[in-house]
Amino acid sequence: TILLLPDGCDVQRLQVLDRDEARRALGLPLDRPLIGYIGAIFHRDAQLMARAFDLVRGTHPRAMLAVIGYCNRDVAALVADPGAVIRTGFVSYEDMNRYLAACDLCWLPLRDTGANRGRWPLKLNEYMAAGRPVVATAVGDVATLMRKHEIGLLARDRPEDLAEATAQLLSDPALRKRLGRNARRVAEEVFDWALLTERLEAFYDNVLSKERA
């Protein structure tokens, strides 16, 4: 018997916060589109993200990119306008929550590689817990989850497609709101660590009861 459990979300610690209040707390402008990305990134994925961001700026010239937390790549050096990239460096969990809340959407730019097909990017869990709509490339299990639960838009792993999906979502506040609500619901109903713990305990109980029989 096999039980497949995903990595979970801390839905108690990460909350859905008001966008404008989060921006005020962080000193961010209220009227500029903001795309978020958390953590480290592979080199090819960083190139994809940077090129897509330049293209997004073609349709949304005031758009900004927030690289939240530690990142192993200098994404700002890869884009045409480094001043449009916010690099937070290490931040507290509370400020990470605020930065996520401040974002209009979050990115998951994965090149279609064996490494990306075979892994689960934990940053997606943080996006969902914060109730952020996601724009991702259709790679691996991420694509399956997003299609099933409608938490964002999918694109091919090309800068043009990622930028097009991003521009579409930036231009549609109602869609962003609906997808963000779906994301938080999935975090609470599917990925909550408490629920996953219950599933694991029930699995152990079932296995042990069969062994005793």
C-alpha atoms as a PDB file:
ATOM      1  CA  THR A   1       0.000   0.000   0.000  1.00  0.00           C
ATOM      2  CA  ILE A   2       1.336   3.415  -1.003  1.00  0.00           C
ATOM      3  CA  LEU A   3       0.246   6.842   0.220  1.00  0.00           C
ATOM      4  CA  LEU A   4       1.353   9.840  -1.810  1.00  0.00           C
ATOM      5  CA  LEU A   5       1.410  12.997   0.288  1.00  0.00           C
ATOM      6  CA  PRO A   6       2.309  16.418  -1.115  1.00  0.00           C
ATOM      7  CA  ASP A   7       4.306  19.031   0.744  1.00  0.00           C
ATOM      8  CA  GLY A   8       1.931  21.129   2.780  1.00  0.00           C
ATOM      9  CA  CYS A   9       1.037  24.737   3.564  1.00  0.00           C
ATOM     10  CA  ASP A  10       1.083  26.540   6.885  1.00  0.00           C
ATOM     11  CA  VAL A  11      -2.328  28.149   6.479  1.00  0.00           C
ATOM     12  CA  GLN A  12      -2.269  29.475  10.031  1.00  0.00           C
ATOM     13  CA  ARG A  13       0.972  31.373   9.656  1.00  0.00           C
ATOM     14  CA  LEU A  14       0.455  32.610   6.085  1.00  0.00           C
ATOM     15  CA  GLN A  15      -2.737  34.610   5.716  1.00  0.00           C
ATOM     16  CA  VAL A  16      -4.600  36.495   3.016  1.00  0.00           C
ATOM     17  CA  LEU A  17      -3.831  40.158   3.740  1.00  0.00           C
ATOM     18  CA  ASP A  18      -5.172  43.349   2.202  1.00  0.00           C
ATOM     19  CA  ARG A  19      -3.078  44.346  -0.812  1.00  0.00           C
ATOM     20  CA  ASP A  20      -3.038  48.096  -0.213  1.00  0.00           C
ATOM     21  CA  GLU A  21      -2.360  47.778   3.512  1.00  0.00           C
ATOM     22  CA  ALA A  22       0.555  45.451   2.769  1.00  0.00           C
ATOM     23  CA  ARG A  23       1.979  47.917   0.261  1.00  0.00           C
ATOM     24  CA  ARG A  24       1.696  50.801   2.693  1.00  0.00           C
ATOM     25  CA  ALA A  25       3.465  48.784   5.376  1.00  0.00           C
ATOM     26  CA  LEU A  26       6.295  47.989   2.950  1.00  0.00           C
ATOM     27  CA  GLY A  27       6.500  51.452   1.402  1.00  0.00           C
ATOM     28  CA  LEU A  28       5.463  50.221  -2.045  1.00  0.00           C
ATOM     29  CA  PRO A  29       3.442  52.291  -4.541  1.00  0.00           C
ATOM     30  CA  LEU A  30      -0.267  51.503  -4.630  1.00  0.00           C
ATOM     31  CA  ASP A  31      -0.783  52.107  -8.335  1.00  0.00           C
ATOM     32  CA  ARG A  32       1.874  49.947 -10.023  1.00  0.00           C
ATOM     33  CA  PRO A  33       1.398  46.325 -11.119  1.00  0.00           C
ATOM     34  CA  LEU A  34       3.549  44.004  -9.024  1.00  0.00           C
ATOM     35  CA  ILE A  35       4.602  40.457  -9.908  1.00  0.00           C
ATOM     36  CA  GLY A  36       6.067  38.282  -7.160  1.00  0.00           C
ATOM     37  CA  TYR A  37       8.620  35.487  -7.083  1.00  0.00           C
ATOM     38  CA  ILE A  38       9.960  33.739  -3.966  1.00  0.00           C
ATOM     39  CA  GLY A  39      13.379  32.254  -3.393  1.00  0.00           C
ATOM     40  CA  ALA A  40      16.043  30.554  -5.473  1.00  0.00           C
ATOM     41  CA  ILE A  41      15.874  29.865  -9.194  1.00  0.00           C
ATOM     42  CA  PHE A  42      17.722  27.806 -11.812  1.00  0.00           C
ATOM     43  CA  HIS A  43      19.729  29.827 -14.345  1.00  0.00           C
ATOM     44  CA  ARG A  44      17.557  28.908 -17.337  1.00  0.00           C
ATOM     45  CA  ASP A  45      14.403  29.680 -15.374  1.00  0.00           C
ATOM     46  CA  ALA A  46      15.849  33.065 -14.390  1.00  0.00           C
ATOM     47  CA  GLN A  47      16.521  33.848 -18.045  1.00  0.00           C
ATOM     48  CA  LEU A  48      12.947  32.892 -18.902  1.00  0.00           C
ATOM     49  CA  MET A  49      11.608  35.104 -16.117  1.00  0.00           C
ATOM     50  CA  ALA A  50      13.766  38.084 -17.047  1.00  0.00           C
ATOM     51  CA  ARG A  51      12.864  37.965 -20.731  1.00  0.00           C
ATOM     52  CA  ALA A  52       9.170  37.556 -19.927  1.00  0.00           C
ATOM     53  CA  PHE A  53       9.330  40.523 -17.553  1.00  0.00           C
ATOM     54  CA  ASP A  54      10.811  42.723 -20.272  1.00  0.00           C
ATOM     55  CA  LEU A  55       7.926  41.715 -22.549  1.00  0.00           C
ATOM     56  CA  VAL A  56       5.335  42.383 -19.837  1.00  0.00           C
ATOM     57  CA  ARG A  57       6.777  45.873 -19.496  1.00  0.00           C
ATOM     58  CA  GLY A  58       5.904  46.383 -23.148  1.00  0.00           C
ATOM     59  CA  THR A  59       2.185  46.193 -22.332  1.00  0.00           C
ATOM     60  CA  HIS A  60       2.377  47.286 -18.679  1.00  0.00           C
ATOM     61  CA  PRO A  61       5.327  49.716 -18.618  1.00  0.00           C
ATOM     62  CA  ARG A  62       4.964  50.494 -14.899  1.00  0.00           C
ATOM     63  CA  ALA A  63       5.062  46.842 -13.833  1.00  0.00           C
ATOM     64  CA  MET A  64       7.516  45.822 -11.124  1.00  0.00           C
ATOM     65  CA  LEU A  65       8.974  42.455 -10.130  1.00  0.00           C
ATOM     66  CA  ALA A  66       9.491  41.590  -6.455  1.00  0.00           C
ATOM     67  CA  VAL A  67      12.097  38.881  -5.839  1.00  0.00           C
ATOM     68  CA  ILE A  68      11.198  37.916  -2.287  1.00  0.00           C
ATOM     69  CA  GLY A  69      13.665  36.360   0.139  1.00  0.00           C
ATOM     70  CA  TYR A  70      17.082  34.948  -0.713  1.00  0.00           C
ATOM     71  CA  CYS A  71      17.675  34.432  -4.433  1.00  0.00           C
ATOM     72  CA  ASN A  72      20.808  32.814  -5.837  1.00  0.00           C
ATOM     73  CA  ARG A  73      20.597  34.805  -9.086  1.00  0.00           C
ATOM     74  CA  ASP A  74      20.815  38.540  -9.668  1.00  0.00           C
ATOM     75  CA  VAL A  75      17.588  38.743 -11.633  1.00  0.00           C
ATOM     76  CA  ALA A  76      17.810  42.538 -11.825  1.00  0.00           C
ATOM     77  CA  ALA A  77      21.003  42.221 -13.878  1.00  0.00           C
ATOM     78  CA  LEU A  78      19.135  40.159 -16.474  1.00  0.00           C
ATOM     79  CA  VAL A  79      16.301  42.598 -17.210  1.00  0.00           C
ATOM     80  CA  ALA A  80      16.331  45.726 -19.344  1.00  0.00           C
ATOM     81  CA  ASP A  81      15.403  48.013 -16.432  1.00  0.00           C
ATOM     82  CA  PRO A  82      17.006  46.818 -13.177  1.00  0.00           C
ATOM     83  CA  GLY A  83      15.222  49.605 -11.308  1.00  0.00           C
ATOM     84  CA  ALA A  84      11.918  47.821 -11.861  1.00  0.00           C
ATOM     85  CA  VAL A  85      13.081  44.842  -9.766  1.00  0.00           C
ATOM     86  CA  ILE A  86      12.669  44.847  -5.987  1.00  0.00           C
ATOM     87  CA  ARG A  87      15.166  42.558  -4.246  1.00  0.00           C
ATOM     88  CA  THR A  88      14.144  42.067  -0.645  1.00  0.00           C
ATOM     89  CA  GLY A  89      16.902  39.726   0.490  1.00  0.00           C
ATOM     90  CA  PHE A  90      16.168  37.707   3.615  1.00  0.00           C
ATOM     91  CA  VAL A  91      12.922  38.821   5.248  1.00  0.00           C
ATOM     92  CA  SER A  92      10.882  37.686   8.228  1.00  0.00           C
ATOM     93  CA  TYR A  93       7.973  35.323   7.671  1.00  0.00           C
ATOM     94  CA  GLU A  94       5.627  38.209   8.472  1.00  0.00           C
ATOM     95  CA  ASP A  95       7.206  40.434   5.819  1.00  0.00           C
ATOM     96  CA  MET A  96       7.174  37.581   3.316  1.00  0.00           C
ATOM     97  CA  ASN A  97       3.427  37.402   3.910  1.00  0.00           C
ATOM     98  CA  ARG A  98       3.157  41.163   3.333  1.00  0.00           C
ATOM     99  CA  TYR A  99       5.187  41.037   0.122  1.00  0.00           C
ATOM    100  CA  LEU A 100       3.043  38.218  -1.221  1.00  0.00           C
ATOM    101  CA  ALA A 101      -0.115  40.131  -0.326  1.00  0.00           C
ATOM    102  CA  ALA A 102       1.273  43.200  -2.082  1.00  0.00           C
ATOM    103  CA  CYS A 103       1.654  41.287  -5.353  1.00  0.00           C
ATOM    104  CA  ASP A 104      -1.050  41.263  -7.999  1.00  0.00           C
ATOM    105  CA  LEU A 105       0.079  37.793  -9.056  1.00  0.00           C
ATOM    106  CA  CYS A 106       2.978  35.417  -8.523  1.00  0.00           C
ATOM    107  CA  TRP A 107       5.205  33.694 -11.034  1.00  0.00           C
ATOM    108  CA  LEU A 108       6.406  30.137 -11.428  1.00  0.00           C
ATOM    109  CA  PRO A 109       8.578  30.211 -14.575  1.00  0.00           C
ATOM    110  CA  LEU A 110       9.842  26.661 -15.097  1.00  0.00           C
ATOM    111  CA  ARG A 111      11.673  25.536 -18.196  1.00  0.00           C
ATOM    112  CA  ASP A 112      10.539  22.120 -19.426  1.00  0.00           C
ATOM    113  CA  THR A 113      13.527  20.160 -18.132  1.00  0.00           C
ATOM    114  CA  GLY A 114      13.877  16.832 -16.379  1.00  0.00           C
ATOM    115  CA  ALA A 115      14.782  18.595 -13.136  1.00  0.00           C
ATOM    116  CA  ASN A 116      11.658  20.751 -13.217  1.00  0.00           C
ATOM    117  CA  ARG A 117       9.363  17.928 -14.307  1.00  0.00           C
ATOM    118  CA  GLY A 118      10.567  15.779 -11.422  1.00  0.00           C
ATOM    119  CA  ARG A 119      10.251  18.223  -8.516  1.00  0.00           C
ATOM    120  CA  TRP A 120       7.620  20.093  -6.575  1.00  0.00           C
ATOM    121  CA  PRO A 121       8.385  23.837  -6.165  1.00  0.00           C
ATOM    122  CA  LEU A 122       7.492  24.689  -2.570  1.00  0.00           C
ATOM    123  CA  LYS A 123       7.049  28.351  -3.457  1.00  0.00           C
ATOM    124  CA  LEU A 124       3.734  27.387  -5.038  1.00  0.00           C
ATOM    125  CA  ASN A 125       2.496  26.343  -1.590  1.00  0.00           C
ATOM    126  CA  GLU A 126       3.363  29.783  -0.226  1.00  0.00           C
ATOM    127  CA  TYR A 127       1.564  31.474  -3.115  1.00  0.00           C
ATOM    128  CA  MET A 128      -1.565  29.417  -2.496  1.00  0.00           C
ATOM    129  CA  ALA A 129      -1.559  29.968   1.260  1.00  0.00           C
ATOM    130  CA  ALA A 130      -1.324  33.730   0.695  1.00  0.00           C
ATOM    131  CA  GLY A 131      -4.227  33.573  -1.756  1.00  0.00           C
ATOM    132  CA  ARG A 132      -2.224  34.773  -4.740  1.00  0.00           C
ATOM    133  CA  PRO A 133      -3.179  33.911  -8.328  1.00  0.00           C
ATOM    134  CA  VAL A 134      -0.330  32.222 -10.186  1.00  0.00           C
ATOM    135  CA  VAL A 135       1.034  32.385 -13.706  1.00  0.00           C
ATOM    136  CA  ALA A 136       3.167  29.308 -14.369  1.00  0.00           C
ATOM    137  CA  THR A 137       4.586  27.331 -17.224  1.00  0.00           C
ATOM    138  CA  ALA A 138       2.834  24.031 -17.904  1.00  0.00           C
ATOM    139  CA  VAL A 139       5.549  21.751 -16.541  1.00  0.00           C
ATOM    140  CA  GLY A 140       5.224  18.654 -14.358  1.00  0.00           C
ATOM    141  CA  ASP A 141       2.759  18.271 -11.508  1.00  0.00           C
ATOM    142  CA  VAL A 142       2.302  22.033 -11.282  1.00  0.00           C
ATOM    143  CA  ALA A 143       0.318  22.010 -14.514  1.00  0.00           C
ATOM    144  CA  THR A 144      -1.898  19.161 -13.292  1.00  0.00           C
ATOM    145  CA  LEU A 145      -2.702  20.960 -10.042  1.00  0.00           C
ATOM    146  CA  MET A 146      -3.429  24.282 -11.705  1.00  0.00           C
ATOM    147  CA  ARG A 147      -5.722  22.770 -14.307  1.00  0.00           C
ATOM    148  CA  LYS A 148      -7.651  20.820 -11.686  1.00  0.00           C
ATOM    149  CA  HIS A 149      -8.163  23.638  -9.203  1.00  0.00           C
ATOM    150  CA  GLU A 150      -8.035  26.780 -11.386  1.00  0.00           C
ATOM    151  CA  ILE A 151      -5.600  28.743  -9.263  1.00  0.00           C
ATOM    152  CA  GLY A 152      -3.945  30.604 -12.133  1.00  0.00           C
ATOM    153  CA  LEU A 153      -3.023  30.669 -15.799  1.00  0.00           C
ATOM    154  CA  LEU A 154      -0.681  28.283 -17.598  1.00  0.00           C
ATOM    155  CA  ALA A 155       1.693  29.096 -20.430  1.00  0.00           C
ATOM    156  CA  ARG A 156       4.258  27.300 -22.541  1.00  0.00           C
ATOM    157  CA  ASP A 157       7.845  27.685 -21.372  1.00  0.00           C
ATOM    158  CA  ARG A 158       8.545  30.580 -23.729  1.00  0.00           C
ATOM    159  CA  PRO A 159       8.950  34.201 -22.657  1.00  0.00           C
ATOM    160  CA  GLU A 160       6.287  35.354 -25.115  1.00  0.00           C
ATOM    161  CA  ASP A 161       3.672  32.962 -23.750  1.00  0.00           C
ATOM    162  CA  LEU A 162       4.504  33.645 -20.102  1.00  0.00           C
ATOM    163  CA  ALA A 163       4.315  37.385 -20.750  1.00  0.00           C
ATOM    164  CA  GLU A 164       1.012  37.085 -22.611  1.00  0.00           C
ATOM    165  CA  ALA A 165      -0.646  35.136 -19.786  1.00  0.00           C
ATOM    166  CA  THR A 166       0.757  37.596 -17.251  1.00  0.00           C
ATOM    167  CA  ALA A 167      -0.511  40.622 -19.165  1.00  0.00           C
ATOM    168  CA  GLN A 168      -3.931  38.990 -19.440  1.00  0.00           C
ATOM    169  CA  LEU A 169      -4.142  38.468 -15.685  1.00  0.00           C
ATOM    170  CA  LEU A 170      -2.794  41.922 -14.837  1.00  0.00           C
ATOM    171  CA  SER A 171      -5.581  43.382 -16.973  1.00  0.00           C
ATOM    172  CA  ASP A 172      -8.370  41.394 -15.297  1.00  0.00           C
ATOM    173  CA  PRO A 173      -8.838  42.193 -11.571  1.00  0.00           C
ATOM    174  CA  ALA A 174     -11.980  40.059 -11.306  1.00  0.00           C
ATOM    175  CA  LEU A 175     -10.158  36.998 -12.633  1.00  0.00           C
ATOM    176  CA  ARG A 176      -7.239  37.610 -10.276  1.00  0.00           C
ATOM    177  CA  LYS A 177      -9.639  37.749  -7.344  1.00  0.00           C
ATOM    178  CA  ARG A 178     -11.390  34.515  -8.319  1.00  0.00           C
ATOM    179  CA  LEU A 179      -8.162  32.599  -8.918  1.00  0.00           C
ATOM    180  CA  GLY A 180      -6.681  33.907  -5.671  1.00  0.00           C
ATOM    181  CA  ARG A 181      -9.704  32.698  -3.730  1.00  0.00           C
ATOM    182  CA  ASN A 182      -9.365  29.296  -5.371  1.00  0.00           C
ATOM    183  CA  ALA A 183      -5.695  29.197  -4.407  1.00  0.00           C
ATOM    184  CA  ARG A 184      -6.412  29.851  -0.739  1.00  0.00           C
ATOM    185  CA  ARG A 185      -9.231  27.293  -0.744  1.00  0.00           C
ATOM    186  CA  VAL A 186      -6.898  24.635  -2.165  1.00  0.00           C
ATOM    187  CA  ALA A 187      -4.280  25.514   0.448  1.00  0.00           C
ATOM    188  CA  GLU A 188      -6.847  25.034   3.213  1.00  0.00           C
ATOM    189  CA  GLU A 189      -8.629  21.962   1.838  1.00  0.00           C
ATOM    190  CA  VAL A 190      -5.799  20.028   0.168  1.00  0.00           C
ATOM    191  CA  PHE A 191      -2.398  21.217   1.434  1.00  0.00           C
ATOM    192  CA  ASP A 192      -2.990  22.183   5.070  1.00  0.00           C
ATOM    193  CA  TRP A 193      -0.342  20.438   7.176  1.00  0.00           C
ATOM    194  CA  ALA A 194      -2.970  19.499   9.767  1.00  0.00           C
ATOM    195  CA  LEU A 195      -5.037  17.642   7.162  1.00  0.00           C
ATOM    196  CA  LEU A 196      -1.974  15.910   5.750  1.00  0.00           C
ATOM    197  CA  THR A 197      -1.025  14.793   9.256  1.00  0.00           C
ATOM    198  CA  GLU A 198      -4.484  13.284   9.729  1.00  0.00           C
ATOM    199  CA  ARG A 199      -4.186  11.439   6.415  1.00  0.00           C
ATOM    200  CA  LEU A 200      -0.790  10.048   7.377  1.00  0.00           C
ATOM    201  CA  GLU A 201      -2.005   8.912  10.792  1.00  0.00           C
ATOM    202  CA  ALA A 202      -5.058   7.255   9.237  1.00  0.00           C
ATOM    203  CA  PHE A 203      -2.792   5.495   6.753  1.00  0.00           C
ATOM    204  CA  TYR A 204      -0.573   4.145   9.539  1.00  0.00           C
ATOM    205  CA  ASP A 205      -3.627   3.016  11.514  1.00  0.00           C
ATOM    206  CA  ASN A 206      -4.973   1.193   8.470  1.00  0.00           C
ATOM    207  CA  VAL A 207      -1.664  -0.556   7.756  1.00  0.00           C
ATOM    208  CA  LEU A 208      -1.205  -1.580  11.385  1.00  0.00           C
ATOM    209  CA  SER A 209      -4.762  -2.896  11.672  1.00  0.00           C
ATOM    210  CA  LYS A 210      -4.212  -5.106   8.616  1.00  0.00           C
ATOM    211  CA  GLU A 211      -0.994  -6.475  10.111  1.00  0.00           C
ATOM    212  CA  ARG A 212      -2.791  -7.348  13.344  1.00  0.00           C
ATOM    213  CA  ALA A 213      -5.667  -9.090  11.543  1.00  0.00           C
END
